[in-house]
N, C-alpha and C. Protein backbone atom coordinates (compact mmCIF):
# COMPACT_ATOMS: atom_id res chain seq x y z
N MET A 1 43.67 61.79 97.56
CA MET A 1 44.77 60.88 97.72
C MET A 1 44.31 59.71 98.57
N SER A 2 44.67 58.50 98.17
CA SER A 2 44.26 57.34 98.95
C SER A 2 44.90 57.40 100.33
N GLU A 3 44.13 57.00 101.33
CA GLU A 3 44.62 57.09 102.69
C GLU A 3 45.15 55.77 103.21
N GLY A 4 44.69 54.67 102.65
CA GLY A 4 45.16 53.37 103.10
C GLY A 4 44.74 53.07 104.52
N ASP A 5 45.02 51.87 104.95
CA ASP A 5 44.66 51.48 106.30
C ASP A 5 45.87 51.33 107.20
N GLY A 6 47.06 51.63 106.66
CA GLY A 6 48.27 51.54 107.45
C GLY A 6 48.78 50.11 107.61
N LYS A 7 48.03 49.14 107.10
CA LYS A 7 48.42 47.74 107.25
C LYS A 7 49.12 47.21 106.01
N ALA A 8 48.78 47.74 104.86
CA ALA A 8 49.36 47.24 103.61
C ALA A 8 50.55 48.08 103.21
N ALA A 9 51.56 47.43 102.71
CA ALA A 9 52.73 48.11 102.18
C ALA A 9 53.33 47.23 101.10
N ARG A 10 53.95 47.85 100.14
CA ARG A 10 54.56 47.09 99.06
C ARG A 10 55.83 46.41 99.58
N LYS A 11 55.90 45.11 99.41
CA LYS A 11 57.05 44.34 99.88
C LYS A 11 57.84 43.75 98.72
N LYS A 12 57.19 43.66 97.56
CA LYS A 12 57.86 43.17 96.37
C LYS A 12 57.19 43.74 95.14
N ARG A 13 57.88 43.69 94.03
CA ARG A 13 57.35 44.19 92.76
C ARG A 13 56.13 43.36 92.39
N PRO A 14 54.99 44.03 92.13
CA PRO A 14 53.77 43.28 91.80
C PRO A 14 53.82 42.69 90.39
N ARG A 15 53.04 41.66 90.19
CA ARG A 15 52.91 41.01 88.89
C ARG A 15 52.10 41.87 87.93
N ILE A 16 51.12 42.62 88.47
CA ILE A 16 50.26 43.50 87.68
C ILE A 16 50.14 44.85 88.37
N LEU A 17 49.83 45.87 87.58
CA LEU A 17 49.65 47.24 88.08
C LEU A 17 48.30 47.78 87.65
N ALA A 18 47.72 48.64 88.48
CA ALA A 18 46.49 49.35 88.13
C ALA A 18 46.86 50.58 87.29
N ILE A 19 46.18 50.75 86.18
CA ILE A 19 46.40 51.88 85.29
C ILE A 19 45.05 52.50 84.98
N THR A 20 44.92 53.82 85.15
CA THR A 20 43.66 54.48 84.78
C THR A 20 43.65 54.73 83.28
N THR A 21 42.49 54.56 82.68
CA THR A 21 42.34 54.78 81.24
C THR A 21 41.79 56.18 81.00
N ASP A 22 41.65 56.53 79.73
CA ASP A 22 41.09 57.83 79.38
C ASP A 22 39.63 57.97 79.77
N CYS A 23 38.99 56.87 80.16
CA CYS A 23 37.59 56.91 80.59
C CYS A 23 37.44 57.48 82.00
N CYS A 24 38.54 57.66 82.73
CA CYS A 24 38.46 58.15 84.10
C CYS A 24 37.92 59.57 84.13
N THR A 25 36.88 59.77 84.95
CA THR A 25 36.28 61.09 85.12
C THR A 25 36.57 61.65 86.51
N GLY A 26 37.25 60.86 87.34
CA GLY A 26 37.49 61.29 88.72
C GLY A 26 36.22 61.27 89.54
N CYS A 27 35.17 60.67 89.01
CA CYS A 27 33.87 60.60 89.70
C CYS A 27 33.44 61.96 90.24
N ALA A 28 33.69 63.00 89.45
CA ALA A 28 33.29 64.37 89.80
C ALA A 28 33.81 64.80 91.17
N GLY A 29 35.02 64.39 91.48
CA GLY A 29 35.63 64.83 92.73
C GLY A 29 35.45 63.91 93.90
N SER A 30 34.69 62.84 93.73
CA SER A 30 34.49 61.85 94.81
C SER A 30 34.81 60.45 94.29
N PRO A 31 36.08 60.23 93.95
CA PRO A 31 36.44 58.96 93.31
C PRO A 31 36.23 57.74 94.20
N ALA A 32 35.54 56.75 93.66
CA ALA A 32 35.26 55.52 94.40
C ALA A 32 36.51 54.67 94.59
N CYS A 33 37.38 54.65 93.59
CA CYS A 33 38.54 53.77 93.64
C CYS A 33 39.47 54.07 94.82
N ILE A 34 39.61 55.33 95.16
CA ILE A 34 40.50 55.72 96.25
C ILE A 34 40.06 55.12 97.57
N GLU A 35 38.76 54.98 97.75
CA GLU A 35 38.23 54.42 98.99
C GLU A 35 38.68 52.98 99.21
N TYR A 36 38.88 52.25 98.12
CA TYR A 36 39.21 50.83 98.22
C TYR A 36 40.71 50.55 98.24
N CYS A 37 41.52 51.51 97.85
CA CYS A 37 42.98 51.29 97.80
C CYS A 37 43.55 51.21 99.21
N PRO A 38 44.25 50.11 99.53
CA PRO A 38 44.80 49.95 100.87
C PRO A 38 46.14 50.66 101.08
N ILE A 39 46.68 51.26 100.03
CA ILE A 39 48.00 51.86 100.10
C ILE A 39 47.89 53.38 100.15
N GLU A 40 48.47 53.96 101.17
CA GLU A 40 48.43 55.41 101.32
C GLU A 40 49.14 56.10 100.16
N ALA A 41 48.49 57.07 99.57
CA ALA A 41 49.01 57.93 98.51
C ALA A 41 49.26 57.21 97.18
N CYS A 42 48.77 56.00 97.02
CA CYS A 42 48.98 55.27 95.76
C CYS A 42 48.13 55.87 94.64
N MET A 43 46.91 56.26 94.96
CA MET A 43 46.01 56.86 93.97
C MET A 43 45.81 58.33 94.34
N PHE A 44 45.89 59.20 93.34
CA PHE A 44 45.78 60.63 93.65
C PHE A 44 45.05 61.38 92.54
N TRP A 45 44.49 62.51 92.93
CA TRP A 45 43.68 63.37 92.07
C TRP A 45 44.59 64.27 91.24
N VAL A 46 44.32 64.33 89.93
CA VAL A 46 45.02 65.24 89.03
C VAL A 46 43.96 66.15 88.41
N PRO A 47 43.94 67.45 88.77
CA PRO A 47 42.91 68.33 88.23
C PRO A 47 43.07 68.56 86.74
N ASP A 48 41.95 68.76 86.06
CA ASP A 48 41.95 69.11 84.64
C ASP A 48 42.00 70.62 84.57
N GLU A 49 43.15 71.16 84.24
CA GLU A 49 43.35 72.62 84.24
C GLU A 49 42.42 73.33 83.26
N ASP A 50 42.05 72.65 82.19
CA ASP A 50 41.18 73.27 81.18
C ASP A 50 39.70 73.19 81.51
N HIS A 51 39.33 72.27 82.43
CA HIS A 51 37.92 72.07 82.73
C HIS A 51 37.68 71.88 84.23
N PRO A 52 38.03 72.90 85.03
CA PRO A 52 37.76 72.75 86.47
C PRO A 52 36.26 72.69 86.71
N PRO A 53 35.75 71.99 87.66
CA PRO A 53 36.44 71.27 88.74
C PRO A 53 36.73 69.81 88.40
N PHE A 54 36.74 69.46 87.12
CA PHE A 54 36.94 68.08 86.72
C PHE A 54 38.40 67.68 86.82
N GLY A 55 38.62 66.39 86.82
CA GLY A 55 39.97 65.86 86.88
C GLY A 55 39.93 64.36 86.70
N ARG A 56 41.03 63.73 87.04
CA ARG A 56 41.11 62.29 86.91
C ARG A 56 41.99 61.73 88.01
N ILE A 57 41.98 60.43 88.15
CA ILE A 57 42.80 59.75 89.14
C ILE A 57 44.01 59.14 88.44
N GLU A 58 45.14 59.23 89.06
CA GLU A 58 46.35 58.56 88.58
C GLU A 58 46.81 57.59 89.65
N VAL A 59 47.52 56.56 89.23
CA VAL A 59 48.05 55.54 90.13
C VAL A 59 49.57 55.64 90.13
N ASP A 60 50.18 55.65 91.30
CA ASP A 60 51.64 55.68 91.40
C ASP A 60 52.15 54.25 91.22
N PRO A 61 52.84 53.96 90.12
CA PRO A 61 53.29 52.60 89.86
C PRO A 61 54.36 52.13 90.85
N TYR A 62 54.99 53.06 91.54
CA TYR A 62 55.99 52.69 92.55
C TYR A 62 55.35 52.23 93.86
N LEU A 63 54.06 52.56 94.04
CA LEU A 63 53.36 52.19 95.27
C LEU A 63 52.33 51.09 95.07
N CYS A 64 51.79 50.96 93.87
CA CYS A 64 50.73 49.99 93.59
C CYS A 64 51.20 48.57 93.92
N ILE A 65 50.33 47.81 94.62
CA ILE A 65 50.66 46.43 94.96
C ILE A 65 49.90 45.42 94.09
N GLY A 66 49.08 45.92 93.16
CA GLY A 66 48.36 45.04 92.24
C GLY A 66 47.25 44.25 92.89
N CYS A 67 46.65 44.79 93.96
CA CYS A 67 45.64 44.04 94.73
C CYS A 67 44.29 43.95 94.01
N GLN A 68 44.04 44.81 93.05
CA GLN A 68 42.82 44.84 92.25
C GLN A 68 41.59 45.31 93.02
N LYS A 69 41.76 45.90 94.18
CA LYS A 69 40.61 46.38 94.95
C LYS A 69 39.97 47.61 94.31
N CYS A 70 40.68 48.30 93.43
CA CYS A 70 40.16 49.52 92.82
C CYS A 70 39.33 49.25 91.57
N ILE A 71 39.40 48.04 91.03
CA ILE A 71 38.66 47.75 89.80
C ILE A 71 37.28 47.19 90.11
N SER A 72 36.44 47.18 89.09
CA SER A 72 35.07 46.72 89.32
C SER A 72 34.77 45.38 88.68
N LYS A 73 35.74 44.80 88.01
CA LYS A 73 35.49 43.55 87.30
C LYS A 73 35.68 42.35 88.22
N GLY A 74 34.71 41.48 88.21
CA GLY A 74 34.80 40.25 88.97
C GLY A 74 34.73 39.06 88.04
N PRO A 75 34.66 37.87 88.59
CA PRO A 75 34.56 36.67 87.76
C PRO A 75 33.31 36.71 86.88
N ASP A 76 33.45 36.27 85.67
CA ASP A 76 32.34 36.19 84.71
C ASP A 76 31.64 37.53 84.51
N GLY A 77 32.39 38.64 84.61
CA GLY A 77 31.84 39.96 84.35
C GLY A 77 30.99 40.54 85.46
N ALA A 78 30.98 39.91 86.62
CA ALA A 78 30.19 40.42 87.74
C ALA A 78 30.73 41.77 88.19
N PHE A 79 29.85 42.70 88.55
CA PHE A 79 30.28 44.01 89.05
C PHE A 79 30.60 43.92 90.53
N LEU A 80 31.74 44.43 90.90
CA LEU A 80 32.17 44.48 92.29
C LEU A 80 32.33 45.93 92.71
N ASP A 81 32.80 46.16 93.92
CA ASP A 81 33.14 47.51 94.35
C ASP A 81 34.31 48.01 93.52
N GLY A 82 34.55 49.28 93.55
CA GLY A 82 35.66 49.85 92.80
C GLY A 82 35.15 50.86 91.80
N CYS A 83 35.88 51.04 90.74
CA CYS A 83 35.57 52.04 89.73
C CYS A 83 34.23 51.75 89.05
N PRO A 84 33.26 52.66 89.17
CA PRO A 84 31.96 52.42 88.53
C PRO A 84 31.99 52.64 87.02
N TRP A 85 33.04 53.25 86.49
CA TRP A 85 33.13 53.54 85.07
C TRP A 85 34.02 52.55 84.33
N ASP A 86 34.53 51.56 85.05
CA ASP A 86 35.42 50.57 84.44
C ASP A 86 36.61 51.25 83.77
N ALA A 87 37.15 52.28 84.44
CA ALA A 87 38.23 53.09 83.89
C ALA A 87 39.60 52.72 84.44
N ILE A 88 39.69 51.57 85.10
CA ILE A 88 40.97 51.10 85.62
C ILE A 88 41.23 49.71 85.05
N GLU A 89 42.41 49.56 84.48
CA GLU A 89 42.80 48.28 83.94
C GLU A 89 44.00 47.76 84.73
N MET A 90 44.09 46.45 84.82
CA MET A 90 45.26 45.84 85.42
C MET A 90 46.14 45.36 84.26
N VAL A 91 47.39 45.82 84.24
CA VAL A 91 48.31 45.45 83.17
C VAL A 91 49.51 44.73 83.77
N PRO A 92 50.10 43.80 83.02
CA PRO A 92 51.31 43.14 83.53
C PRO A 92 52.42 44.17 83.76
N THR A 93 53.08 44.04 84.88
CA THR A 93 54.16 44.97 85.24
C THR A 93 55.25 44.97 84.17
N ASP A 94 55.58 43.82 83.65
CA ASP A 94 56.61 43.73 82.61
C ASP A 94 56.23 44.57 81.39
N ASP A 95 54.97 44.54 80.99
CA ASP A 95 54.50 45.33 79.85
C ASP A 95 54.61 46.82 80.14
N TRP A 96 54.19 47.23 81.35
CA TRP A 96 54.25 48.64 81.73
C TRP A 96 55.70 49.12 81.73
N GLU A 97 56.60 48.31 82.26
CA GLU A 97 58.02 48.68 82.31
C GLU A 97 58.59 48.82 80.90
N ALA A 98 58.22 47.92 80.00
CA ALA A 98 58.72 47.98 78.62
C ALA A 98 58.26 49.25 77.92
N VAL A 99 57.01 49.62 78.11
CA VAL A 99 56.47 50.83 77.47
C VAL A 99 57.16 52.09 78.01
N HIS A 100 57.41 52.13 79.33
CA HIS A 100 57.95 53.33 79.96
C HIS A 100 59.47 53.33 80.11
N GLY A 101 60.13 52.22 79.78
CA GLY A 101 61.58 52.16 79.88
C GLY A 101 62.09 52.26 81.31
N ILE A 102 61.29 51.76 82.24
CA ILE A 102 61.61 51.84 83.67
C ILE A 102 61.52 50.44 84.25
N THR A 103 62.43 50.12 85.17
CA THR A 103 62.31 48.88 85.93
C THR A 103 61.91 49.24 87.34
N LEU A 104 60.77 48.78 87.77
CA LEU A 104 60.28 49.10 89.11
C LEU A 104 61.02 48.26 90.15
N PRO A 105 61.40 48.88 91.26
CA PRO A 105 62.07 48.13 92.32
C PRO A 105 61.05 47.34 93.14
N ASP A 106 61.53 46.41 93.96
CA ASP A 106 60.64 45.66 94.84
C ASP A 106 59.98 46.60 95.84
N LEU A 107 60.76 47.39 96.52
CA LEU A 107 60.23 48.30 97.55
C LEU A 107 59.99 49.67 96.95
N PRO A 108 59.00 50.39 97.46
CA PRO A 108 58.78 51.76 96.97
C PRO A 108 59.90 52.67 97.44
N PRO A 109 60.09 53.81 96.78
CA PRO A 109 61.11 54.74 97.23
C PRO A 109 60.78 55.27 98.63
N ALA A 110 61.81 55.63 99.37
CA ALA A 110 61.62 56.18 100.71
C ALA A 110 60.91 57.53 100.60
N PRO A 111 60.03 57.85 101.56
CA PRO A 111 59.35 59.15 101.52
C PRO A 111 60.37 60.28 101.72
N PRO A 112 60.10 61.43 101.14
CA PRO A 112 61.03 62.55 101.30
C PRO A 112 61.11 63.01 102.75
N THR A 113 62.26 63.44 103.15
CA THR A 113 62.43 63.96 104.51
C THR A 113 62.31 65.47 104.49
N ALA A 114 61.78 66.00 105.56
CA ALA A 114 61.54 67.46 105.61
C ALA A 114 62.75 68.21 106.07
C-alpha cells in the first residue's frame, strides 16, 4: 500500500486518473509505482489467488490526484521513474466515470472510524 508523504491530499476531482493495465505484474511483490505515489493508500497490492505469490497493483480512483508520478512516460518517450513495465495509463476522469457509471467527488471519502 502506498504510504505517501503526508503532504499531499486530494482537494479536487482530478482531470486524469492512473489506471493499471493487464500488463501489471506487481513487480514480483516490490512494486516501483507505490514508492512514487504521494497519496497514502492510493495504490495497493491485490494478490493473484490462482498464482501466489504473484499479484498486481490497483489504484483507488477516489484517492488518485492524477499527479502522474507512478508512470514512466516522459516527454518524447523518455523513460522516467515509475512503472518499469509501462503498465499504468493516465485516462481522463470523465471517460473513467462514463465507463463505470460513477461520478467521483472532489474530496475523497472520510476514512472509516473504529
